[in-house]
Amino acid sequence: MKNASIFERTKIKKPSTQQASCLLTPMAIFKKKEKYVFNTQTLSFEKAVVSWGTRIVRAVGFLIAALVFSLVHFHHLLSLFRLTEREGFEGGTQ
């Protein structure tokens, strides 16, 4: 087994040339990624399971961060336009 390839030692299927050539297709890009976790007791990889609660917490966290960022950005732009209004800024030629 010393000269065996990594695919033979780990029992992972070697991708065919057809699978390798279509890795960047739109379906492959947006396809759900399978995540694995190494189990030190059995010395093998197992599929990682993400609970619905974790998914919801991540989605809500992302939405809150996006909302805060957009509010700060909107406030900054609004204050910039108010500042140019007060100074009598006229667009175009000087």
PDB file of N, CA and C in Angstrom:
ATOM      1  N   MET A   1       0.812  -1.201   0.000  1.00  0.00           N
ATOM      2  CA  MET A   1       0.000   0.000   0.000  1.00  0.00           C
ATOM      3  C   MET A   1       0.850   1.258   0.000  1.00  0.00           C
ATOM      4  N   LYS A   2       2.149   1.099   0.089  1.00  0.00           N
ATOM      5  CA  LYS A   2       3.018   2.267   0.171  1.00  0.00           C
ATOM      6  C   LYS A   2       2.972   3.081  -1.113  1.00  0.00           C
ATOM      7  N   ASN A   3       2.849   2.435  -2.254  1.00  0.00           N
ATOM      8  CA  ASN A   3       2.831   3.132  -3.535  1.00  0.00           C
ATOM      9  C   ASN A   3       1.422   3.493  -3.994  1.00  0.00           C
ATOM     10  N   ALA A   4       0.427   3.239  -3.180  1.00  0.00           N
ATOM     11  CA  ALA A   4      -0.956   3.528  -3.572  1.00  0.00           C
ATOM     12  C   ALA A   4      -1.196   5.028  -3.600  1.00  0.00           C
ATOM     13  N   SER A   5      -2.071   5.452  -4.495  1.00  0.00           N
ATOM     14  CA  SER A   5      -2.372   6.880  -4.595  1.00  0.00           C
ATOM     15  C   SER A   5      -3.248   7.303  -3.421  1.00  0.00           C
ATOM     16  N   ILE A   6      -3.374   8.598  -3.260  1.00  0.00           N
ATOM     17  CA  ILE A   6      -4.181   9.126  -2.159  1.00  0.00           C
ATOM     18  C   ILE A   6      -5.643   8.723  -2.308  1.00  0.00           C
ATOM     19  N   PHE A   7      -6.116   8.578  -3.552  1.00  0.00           N
ATOM     20  CA  PHE A   7      -7.504   8.193  -3.767  1.00  0.00           C
ATOM     21  C   PHE A   7      -7.746   6.754  -3.323  1.00  0.00           C
ATOM     22  N   GLU A   8      -6.771   5.885  -3.526  1.00  0.00           N
ATOM     23  CA  GLU A   8      -6.924   4.499  -3.110  1.00  0.00           C
ATOM     24  C   GLU A   8      -6.816   4.357  -1.591  1.00  0.00           C
ATOM     25  N   ARG A   9      -5.949   5.142  -0.962  1.00  0.00           N
ATOM     26  CA  ARG A   9      -5.768   5.042   0.480  1.00  0.00           C
ATOM     27  C   ARG A   9      -6.957   5.595   1.250  1.00  0.00           C
ATOM     28  N   THR A  10      -7.597   6.637   0.742  1.00  0.00           N
ATOM     29  CA  THR A  10      -8.692   7.268   1.476  1.00  0.00           C
ATOM     30  C   THR A  10     -10.059   6.845   0.979  1.00  0.00           C
ATOM     31  N   LYS A  11     -10.110   6.005  -0.042  1.00  0.00           N
ATOM     32  CA  LYS A  11     -11.352   5.502  -0.613  1.00  0.00           C
ATOM     33  C   LYS A  11     -12.228   6.635  -1.164  1.00  0.00           C
ATOM     34  N   ILE A  12     -11.601   7.673  -1.695  1.00  0.00           N
ATOM     35  CA  ILE A  12     -12.319   8.775  -2.323  1.00  0.00           C
ATOM     36  C   ILE A  12     -12.354   8.510  -3.815  1.00  0.00           C
ATOM     37  N   LYS A  13     -13.535   8.739  -4.420  1.00  0.00           N
ATOM     38  CA  LYS A  13     -13.632   8.522  -5.855  1.00  0.00           C
ATOM     39  C   LYS A  13     -12.836   9.581  -6.591  1.00  0.00           C
ATOM     40  N   LYS A  14     -12.031   9.131  -7.524  1.00  0.00           N
ATOM     41  CA  LYS A  14     -11.245  10.047  -8.339  1.00  0.00           C
ATOM     42  C   LYS A  14     -12.178  10.670  -9.381  1.00  0.00           C
ATOM     43  N   PRO A  15     -12.160  12.024  -9.515  1.00  0.00           N
ATOM     44  CA  PRO A  15     -13.064  12.647 -10.489  1.00  0.00           C
ATOM     45  C   PRO A  15     -12.656  12.304 -11.911  1.00  0.00           C
ATOM     46  N   SER A  16     -13.652  12.058 -12.741  1.00  0.00           N
ATOM     47  CA  SER A  16     -13.364  11.766 -14.135  1.00  0.00           C
ATOM     48  C   SER A  16     -12.993  13.055 -14.850  1.00  0.00           C
ATOM     49  N   THR A  17     -12.444  12.937 -16.049  1.00  0.00           N
ATOM     50  CA  THR A  17     -12.049  14.130 -16.802  1.00  0.00           C
ATOM     51  C   THR A  17     -13.268  14.939 -17.195  1.00  0.00           C
ATOM     52  N   GLN A  18     -14.408  14.282 -17.410  1.00  0.00           N
ATOM     53  CA  GLN A  18     -15.626  15.004 -17.753  1.00  0.00           C
ATOM     54  C   GLN A  18     -16.117  15.824 -16.555  1.00  0.00           C
ATOM     55  N   GLN A  19     -16.031  15.276 -15.361  1.00  0.00           N
ATOM     56  CA  GLN A  19     -16.432  16.018 -14.170  1.00  0.00           C
ATOM     57  C   GLN A  19     -15.480  17.179 -13.911  1.00  0.00           C
ATOM     58  N   ALA A  20     -14.207  16.974 -14.098  1.00  0.00           N
ATOM     59  CA  ALA A  20     -13.221  18.018 -13.847  1.00  0.00           C
ATOM     60  C   ALA A  20     -13.342  19.154 -14.851  1.00  0.00           C
ATOM     61  N   SER A  21     -13.770  18.868 -16.088  1.00  0.00           N
ATOM     62  CA  SER A  21     -13.854  19.915 -17.092  1.00  0.00           C
ATOM     63  C   SER A  21     -15.064  20.817 -16.902  1.00  0.00           C
ATOM     64  N   CYS A  22     -16.083  20.371 -16.182  1.00  0.00           N
ATOM     65  CA  CYS A  22     -17.288  21.179 -16.023  1.00  0.00           C
ATOM     66  C   CYS A  22     -17.406  21.756 -14.615  1.00  0.00           C
ATOM     67  N   LEU A  23     -16.297  21.963 -13.931  1.00  0.00           N
ATOM     68  CA  LEU A  23     -16.350  22.459 -12.567  1.00  0.00           C
ATOM     69  C   LEU A  23     -16.804  23.911 -12.477  1.00  0.00           C
ATOM     70  N   LEU A  24     -16.621  24.707 -13.513  1.00  0.00           N
ATOM     71  CA  LEU A  24     -16.961  26.120 -13.447  1.00  0.00           C
ATOM     72  C   LEU A  24     -18.248  26.460 -14.176  1.00  0.00           C
ATOM     73  N   THR A  25     -19.106  25.512 -14.368  1.00  0.00           N
ATOM     74  CA  THR A  25     -20.396  25.802 -14.977  1.00  0.00           C
ATOM     75  C   THR A  25     -21.285  26.472 -13.928  1.00  0.00           C
ATOM     76  N   PRO A  26     -22.298  27.227 -14.345  1.00  0.00           N
ATOM     77  CA  PRO A  26     -23.157  27.899 -13.363  1.00  0.00           C
ATOM     78  C   PRO A  26     -23.806  26.942 -12.369  1.00  0.00           C
ATOM     79  N   MET A  27     -24.190  25.762 -12.822  1.00  0.00           N
ATOM     80  CA  MET A  27     -24.797  24.809 -11.896  1.00  0.00           C
ATOM     81  C   MET A  27     -23.803  24.357 -10.836  1.00  0.00           C
ATOM     82  N   ALA A  28     -22.546  24.215 -11.216  1.00  0.00           N
ATOM     83  CA  ALA A  28     -21.540  23.772 -10.260  1.00  0.00           C
ATOM     84  C   ALA A  28     -21.186  24.882  -9.283  1.00  0.00           C
ATOM     85  N   ILE A  29     -21.272  26.129  -9.726  1.00  0.00           N
ATOM     86  CA  ILE A  29     -20.923  27.238  -8.848  1.00  0.00           C
ATOM     87  C   ILE A  29     -21.972  27.408  -7.751  1.00  0.00           C
ATOM     88  N   PHE A  30     -23.262  27.328  -8.116  1.00  0.00           N
ATOM     89  CA  PHE A  30     -24.328  27.564  -7.158  1.00  0.00           C
ATOM     90  C   PHE A  30     -24.827  26.291  -6.481  1.00  0.00           C
ATOM     91  N   LYS A  31     -24.184  25.188  -6.753  1.00  0.00           N
ATOM     92  CA  LYS A  31     -24.570  23.923  -6.149  1.00  0.00           C
ATOM     93  C   LYS A  31     -24.194  23.932  -4.665  1.00  0.00           C
ATOM     94  N   LYS A  32     -25.006  23.284  -3.854  1.00  0.00           N
ATOM     95  CA  LYS A  32     -24.739  23.235  -2.430  1.00  0.00           C
ATOM     96  C   LYS A  32     -23.430  22.480  -2.175  1.00  0.00           C
ATOM     97  N   LYS A  33     -22.577  23.073  -1.390  1.00  0.00           N
ATOM     98  CA  LYS A  33     -21.290  22.458  -1.068  1.00  0.00           C
ATOM     99  C   LYS A  33     -21.481  21.496   0.106  1.00  0.00           C
ATOM    100  N   GLU A  34     -20.911  20.327  -0.017  1.00  0.00           N
ATOM    101  CA  GLU A  34     -20.957  19.364   1.082  1.00  0.00           C
ATOM    102  C   GLU A  34     -19.734  19.581   1.960  1.00  0.00           C
ATOM    103  N   LYS A  35     -19.951  19.710   3.251  1.00  0.00           N
ATOM    104  CA  LYS A  35     -18.859  19.949   4.180  1.00  0.00           C
ATOM    105  C   LYS A  35     -18.638  18.698   5.024  1.00  0.00           C
ATOM    106  N   TYR A  36     -17.391  18.441   5.294  1.00  0.00           N
ATOM    107  CA  TYR A  36     -17.032  17.257   6.056  1.00  0.00           C
ATOM    108  C   TYR A  36     -16.213  17.648   7.282  1.00  0.00           C
ATOM    109  N   VAL A  37     -16.334  16.837   8.327  1.00  0.00           N
ATOM    110  CA  VAL A  37     -15.597  17.028   9.564  1.00  0.00           C
ATOM    111  C   VAL A  37     -14.805  15.751   9.832  1.00  0.00           C
ATOM    112  N   PHE A  38     -13.556  15.912  10.264  1.00  0.00           N
ATOM    113  CA  PHE A  38     -12.724  14.743  10.547  1.00  0.00           C
ATOM    114  C   PHE A  38     -13.019  14.241  11.952  1.00  0.00           C
ATOM    115  N   ASN A  39     -13.373  12.981  12.058  1.00  0.00           N
ATOM    116  CA  ASN A  39     -13.645  12.344  13.338  1.00  0.00           C
ATOM    117  C   ASN A  39     -12.360  11.681  13.810  1.00  0.00           C
ATOM    118  N   THR A  40     -11.811  12.161  14.921  1.00  0.00           N
ATOM    119  CA  THR A  40     -10.537  11.628  15.413  1.00  0.00           C
ATOM    120  C   THR A  40     -10.687  10.243  16.039  1.00  0.00           C
ATOM    121  N   GLN A  41     -11.903   9.863  16.423  1.00  0.00           N
ATOM    122  CA  GLN A  41     -12.112   8.544  17.015  1.00  0.00           C
ATOM    123  C   GLN A  41     -12.033   7.446  15.961  1.00  0.00           C
ATOM    124  N   THR A  42     -12.686   7.671  14.821  1.00  0.00           N
ATOM    125  CA  THR A  42     -12.703   6.657  13.771  1.00  0.00           C
ATOM    126  C   THR A  42     -11.690   6.937  12.660  1.00  0.00           C
ATOM    127  N   LEU A  43     -11.026   8.092  12.732  1.00  0.00           N
ATOM    128  CA  LEU A  43     -10.045   8.518  11.726  1.00  0.00           C
ATOM    129  C   LEU A  43     -10.635   8.521  10.317  1.00  0.00           C
ATOM    130  N   SER A  44     -11.826   9.088  10.229  1.00  0.00           N
ATOM    131  CA  SER A  44     -12.482   9.191   8.928  1.00  0.00           C
ATOM    132  C   SER A  44     -13.269  10.495   8.872  1.00  0.00           C
ATOM    133  N   PHE A  45     -13.691  10.847   7.667  1.00  0.00           N
ATOM    134  CA  PHE A  45     -14.470  12.054   7.481  1.00  0.00           C
ATOM    135  C   PHE A  45     -15.956  11.729   7.528  1.00  0.00           C
ATOM    136  N   GLU A  46     -16.722  12.617   8.143  1.00  0.00           N
ATOM    137  CA  GLU A  46     -18.167  12.477   8.217  1.00  0.00           C
ATOM    138  C   GLU A  46     -18.804  13.765   7.737  1.00  0.00           C
ATOM    139  N   LYS A  47     -19.995  13.655   7.180  1.00  0.00           N
ATOM    140  CA  LYS A  47     -20.695  14.852   6.716  1.00  0.00           C
ATOM    141  C   LYS A  47     -21.053  15.739   7.900  1.00  0.00           C
ATOM    142  N   ALA A  48     -20.801  17.038   7.739  1.00  0.00           N
ATOM    143  CA  ALA A  48     -21.178  17.995   8.767  1.00  0.00           C
ATOM    144  C   ALA A  48     -22.642  18.365   8.577  1.00  0.00           C
ATOM    145  N   VAL A  49     -23.389  18.347   9.661  1.00  0.00           N
ATOM    146  CA  VAL A  49     -24.811  18.666   9.608  1.00  0.00           C
ATOM    147  C   VAL A  49     -25.009  20.026  10.265  1.00  0.00           C
ATOM    148  N   VAL A  50     -25.615  20.956   9.517  1.00  0.00           N
ATOM    149  CA  VAL A  50     -25.900  22.289  10.044  1.00  0.00           C
ATOM    150  C   VAL A  50     -27.388  22.352  10.352  1.00  0.00           C
ATOM    151  N   SER A  51     -27.699  22.657  11.607  1.00  0.00           N
ATOM    152  CA  SER A  51     -29.108  22.672  12.022  1.00  0.00           C
ATOM    153  C   SER A  51     -29.821  23.907  11.466  1.00  0.00           C
ATOM    154  N   TRP A  52     -31.158  23.831  11.462  1.00  0.00           N
ATOM    155  CA  TRP A  52     -31.958  24.962  10.974  1.00  0.00           C
ATOM    156  C   TRP A  52     -31.785  26.177  11.864  1.00  0.00           C
ATOM    157  N   GLY A  53     -31.603  25.964  13.152  1.00  0.00           N
ATOM    158  CA  GLY A  53     -31.401  27.082  14.074  1.00  0.00           C
ATOM    159  C   GLY A  53     -30.138  27.860  13.741  1.00  0.00           C
ATOM    160  N   THR A  54     -29.060  27.126  13.419  1.00  0.00           N
ATOM    161  CA  THR A  54     -27.807  27.777  13.040  1.00  0.00           C
ATOM    162  C   THR A  54     -27.969  28.538  11.738  1.00  0.00           C
ATOM    163  N   ARG A  55     -28.686  27.962  10.791  1.00  0.00           N
ATOM    164  CA  ARG A  55     -28.910  28.646   9.515  1.00  0.00           C
ATOM    165  C   ARG A  55     -29.695  29.931   9.702  1.00  0.00           C
ATOM    166  N   ILE A  56     -30.723  29.872  10.556  1.00  0.00           N
ATOM    167  CA  ILE A  56     -31.549  31.056  10.793  1.00  0.00           C
ATOM    168  C   ILE A  56     -30.742  32.138  11.494  1.00  0.00           C
ATOM    169  N   VAL A  57     -29.938  31.754  12.484  1.00  0.00           N
ATOM    170  CA  VAL A  57     -29.113  32.732  13.201  1.00  0.00           C
ATOM    171  C   VAL A  57     -28.128  33.387  12.242  1.00  0.00           C
ATOM    172  N   ARG A  58     -27.510  32.625  11.365  1.00  0.00           N
ATOM    173  CA  ARG A  58     -26.576  33.199  10.388  1.00  0.00           C
ATOM    174  C   ARG A  58     -27.274  34.154   9.428  1.00  0.00           C
ATOM    175  N   ALA A  59     -28.472  33.766   8.955  1.00  0.00           N
ATOM    176  CA  ALA A  59     -29.208  34.615   8.019  1.00  0.00           C
ATOM    177  C   ALA A  59     -29.636  35.917   8.692  1.00  0.00           C
ATOM    178  N   VAL A  60     -30.150  35.824   9.928  1.00  0.00           N
ATOM    179  CA  VAL A  60     -30.573  37.030  10.647  1.00  0.00           C
ATOM    180  C   VAL A  60     -29.366  37.921  10.941  1.00  0.00           C
ATOM    181  N   GLY A  61     -28.252  37.329  11.309  1.00  0.00           N
ATOM    182  CA  GLY A  61     -27.033  38.111  11.543  1.00  0.00           C
ATOM    183  C   GLY A  61     -26.582  38.847  10.297  1.00  0.00           C
ATOM    184  N   PHE A  62     -26.653  38.174   9.162  1.00  0.00           N
ATOM    185  CA  PHE A  62     -26.282  38.817   7.899  1.00  0.00           C
ATOM    186  C   PHE A  62     -27.222  39.966   7.573  1.00  0.00           C
ATOM    187  N   LEU A  63     -28.533  39.746   7.760  1.00  0.00           N
ATOM    188  CA  LEU A  63     -29.509  40.794   7.465  1.00  0.00           C
ATOM    189  C   LEU A  63     -29.342  42.005   8.385  1.00  0.00           C
ATOM    190  N   ILE A  64     -29.060  41.772   9.654  1.00  0.00           N
ATOM    191  CA  ILE A  64     -28.839  42.883  10.584  1.00  0.00           C
ATOM    192  C   ILE A  64     -27.583  43.664  10.192  1.00  0.00           C
ATOM    193  N   ALA A  65     -26.514  42.966   9.848  1.00  0.00           N
ATOM    194  CA  ALA A  65     -25.289  43.646   9.430  1.00  0.00           C
ATOM    195  C   ALA A  65     -25.513  44.458   8.156  1.00  0.00           C
ATOM    196  N   ALA A  66     -26.263  43.903   7.204  1.00  0.00           N
ATOM    197  CA  ALA A  66     -26.557  44.627   5.968  1.00  0.00           C
ATOM    198  C   ALA A  66     -27.415  45.849   6.241  1.00  0.00           C
ATOM    199  N   LEU A  67     -28.383  45.731   7.138  1.00  0.00           N
ATOM    200  CA  LEU A  67     -29.249  46.855   7.483  1.00  0.00           C
ATOM    201  C   LEU A  67     -28.451  47.977   8.152  1.00  0.00           C
ATOM    202  N   VAL A  68     -27.611  47.630   9.110  1.00  0.00           N
ATOM    203  CA  VAL A  68     -26.801  48.642   9.802  1.00  0.00           C
ATOM    204  C   VAL A  68     -25.857  49.326   8.821  1.00  0.00           C
ATOM    205  N   PHE A  69     -25.210  48.545   7.966  1.00  0.00           N
ATOM    206  CA  PHE A  69     -24.292  49.128   6.987  1.00  0.00           C
ATOM    207  C   PHE A  69     -25.037  50.069   6.043  1.00  0.00           C
ATOM    208  N   SER A  70     -26.218  49.668   5.589  1.00  0.00           N
ATOM    209  CA  SER A  70     -26.959  50.515   4.655  1.00  0.00           C
ATOM    210  C   SER A  70     -27.457  51.784   5.338  1.00  0.00           C
ATOM    211  N   LEU A  71     -27.879  51.706   6.594  1.00  0.00           N
ATOM    212  CA  LEU A  71     -28.311  52.899   7.314  1.00  0.00           C
ATOM    213  C   LEU A  71     -27.166  53.878   7.530  1.00  0.00           C
ATOM    214  N   VAL A  72     -26.008  53.374   7.906  1.00  0.00           N
ATOM    215  CA  VAL A  72     -24.834  54.244   8.093  1.00  0.00           C
ATOM    216  C   VAL A  72     -24.445  54.879   6.768  1.00  0.00           C
ATOM    217  N   HIS A  73     -24.440  54.100   5.710  1.00  0.00           N
ATOM    218  CA  HIS A  73     -24.084  54.612   4.388  1.00  0.00           C
ATOM    219  C   HIS A  73     -25.109  55.648   3.922  1.00  0.00           C
ATOM    220  N   PHE A  74     -26.397  55.391   4.118  1.00  0.00           N
ATOM    221  CA  PHE A  74     -27.452  56.317   3.729  1.00  0.00           C
ATOM    222  C   PHE A  74     -27.335  57.624   4.516  1.00  0.00           C
ATOM    223  N   HIS A  75     -27.073  57.525   5.818  1.00  0.00           N
ATOM    224  CA  HIS A  75     -26.921  58.721   6.654  1.00  0.00           C
ATOM    225  C   HIS A  75     -25.735  59.552   6.190  1.00  0.00           C
ATOM    226  N   HIS A  76     -24.644  58.890   5.855  1.00  0.00           N
ATOM    227  CA  HIS A  76     -23.453  59.594   5.382  1.00  0.00           C
ATOM    228  C   HIS A  76     -23.753  60.326   4.070  1.00  0.00           C
ATOM    229  N   LEU A  77     -24.402  59.674   3.134  1.00  0.00           N
ATOM    230  CA  LEU A  77     -24.731  60.323   1.856  1.00  0.00           C
ATOM    231  C   LEU A  77     -25.727  61.457   2.040  1.00  0.00           C
ATOM    232  N   LEU A  78     -26.697  61.269   2.924  1.00  0.00           N
ATOM    233  CA  LEU A  78     -27.676  62.311   3.180  1.00  0.00           C
ATOM    234  C   LEU A  78     -27.018  63.545   3.782  1.00  0.00           C
ATOM    235  N   SER A  79     -26.105  63.348   4.716  1.00  0.00           N
ATOM    236  CA  SER A  79     -25.406  64.493   5.315  1.00  0.00           C
ATOM    237  C   SER A  79     -24.503  65.170   4.291  1.00  0.00           C
ATOM    238  N   LEU A  80     -23.967  64.418   3.364  1.00  0.00           N
ATOM    239  CA  LEU A  80     -23.128  65.008   2.320  1.00  0.00           C
ATOM    240  C   LEU A  80     -23.962  65.902   1.409  1.00  0.00           C
ATOM    241  N   PHE A  81     -25.163  65.452   1.050  1.00  0.00           N
ATOM    242  CA  PHE A  81     -26.028  66.270   0.200  1.00  0.00           C
ATOM    243  C   PHE A  81     -26.541  67.502   0.939  1.00  0.00           C
ATOM    244  N   ARG A  82     -26.816  67.365   2.230  1.00  0.00           N
ATOM    245  CA  ARG A  82     -27.252  68.520   3.016  1.00  0.00           C
ATOM    246  C   ARG A  82     -26.132  69.546   3.113  1.00  0.00           C
ATOM    247  N   LEU A  83     -24.902  69.089   3.259  1.00  0.00           N
ATOM    248  CA  LEU A  83     -23.755  69.976   3.357  1.00  0.00           C
ATOM    249  C   LEU A  83     -23.572  70.753   2.063  1.00  0.00           C
ATOM    250  N   THR A  84     -23.706  70.096   0.933  1.00  0.00           N
ATOM    251  CA  THR A  84     -23.544  70.790  -0.349  1.00  0.00           C
ATOM    252  C   THR A  84     -24.694  71.751  -0.593  1.00  0.00           C
ATOM    253  N   GLU A  85     -25.896  71.455  -0.072  1.00  0.00           N
ATOM    254  CA  GLU A  85     -27.026  72.360  -0.203  1.00  0.00           C
ATOM    255  C   GLU A  85     -26.792  73.643   0.572  1.00  0.00           C
ATOM    256  N   ARG A  86     -26.265  73.534   1.782  1.00  0.00           N
ATOM    257  CA  ARG A  86     -26.042  74.696   2.637  1.00  0.00           C
ATOM    258  C   ARG A  86     -24.969  75.612   2.081  1.00  0.00           C
ATOM    259  N   GLU A  87     -23.955  75.038   1.445  1.00  0.00           N
ATOM    260  CA  GLU A  87     -22.855  75.851   0.941  1.00  0.00           C
ATOM    261  C   GLU A  87     -23.171  76.497  -0.395  1.00  0.00           C
ATOM    262  N   GLY A  88     -24.317  76.176  -0.941  1.00  0.00           N
ATOM    263  CA  GLY A  88     -24.685  76.752  -2.226  1.00  0.00           C
ATOM    264  C   GLY A  88     -23.898  76.154  -3.369  1.00  0.00           C
ATOM    265  N   PHE A  89     -23.599  74.893  -3.253  1.00  0.00           N
ATOM    266  CA  PHE A  89     -22.820  74.215  -4.302  1.00  0.00           C
ATOM    267  C   PHE A  89     -23.654  74.109  -5.554  1.00  0.00           C
ATOM    268  N   GLU A  90     -23.056  74.499  -6.673  1.00  0.00           N
ATOM    269  CA  GLU A  90     -23.718  74.377  -7.943  1.00  0.00           C
ATOM    270  C   GLU A  90     -22.916  73.411  -8.809  1.00  0.00           C
ATOM    271  N   GLY A  91     -23.574  72.400  -9.307  1.00  0.00           N
ATOM    272  CA  GLY A  91     -22.895  71.430 -10.152  1.00  0.00           C
ATOM    273  C   GLY A  91     -22.561  72.028 -11.500  1.00  0.00           C
ATOM    274  N   GLY A  92     -21.612  71.442 -12.185  1.00  0.00           N
ATOM    275  CA  GLY A  92     -21.239  71.916 -13.514  1.00  0.00           C
ATOM    276  C   GLY A  92     -19.985  72.761 -13.458  1.00  0.00           C
ATOM    277  N   THR A  93     -19.986  73.854 -14.205  1.00  0.00           N
ATOM    278  CA  THR A  93     -18.788  74.726 -14.294  1.00  0.00           C
ATOM    279  C   THR A  93     -18.687  75.604 -13.069  1.00  0.00           C
ATOM    280  N   GLN A  94     -17.491  76.069 -12.828  1.00  0.00           N
ATOM    281  CA  GLN A  94     -17.248  76.936 -11.644  1.00  0.00           C
ATOM    282  C   GLN A  94     -17.283  78.387 -12.011  1.00  0.00           C
TER     283      GLN A  94
END
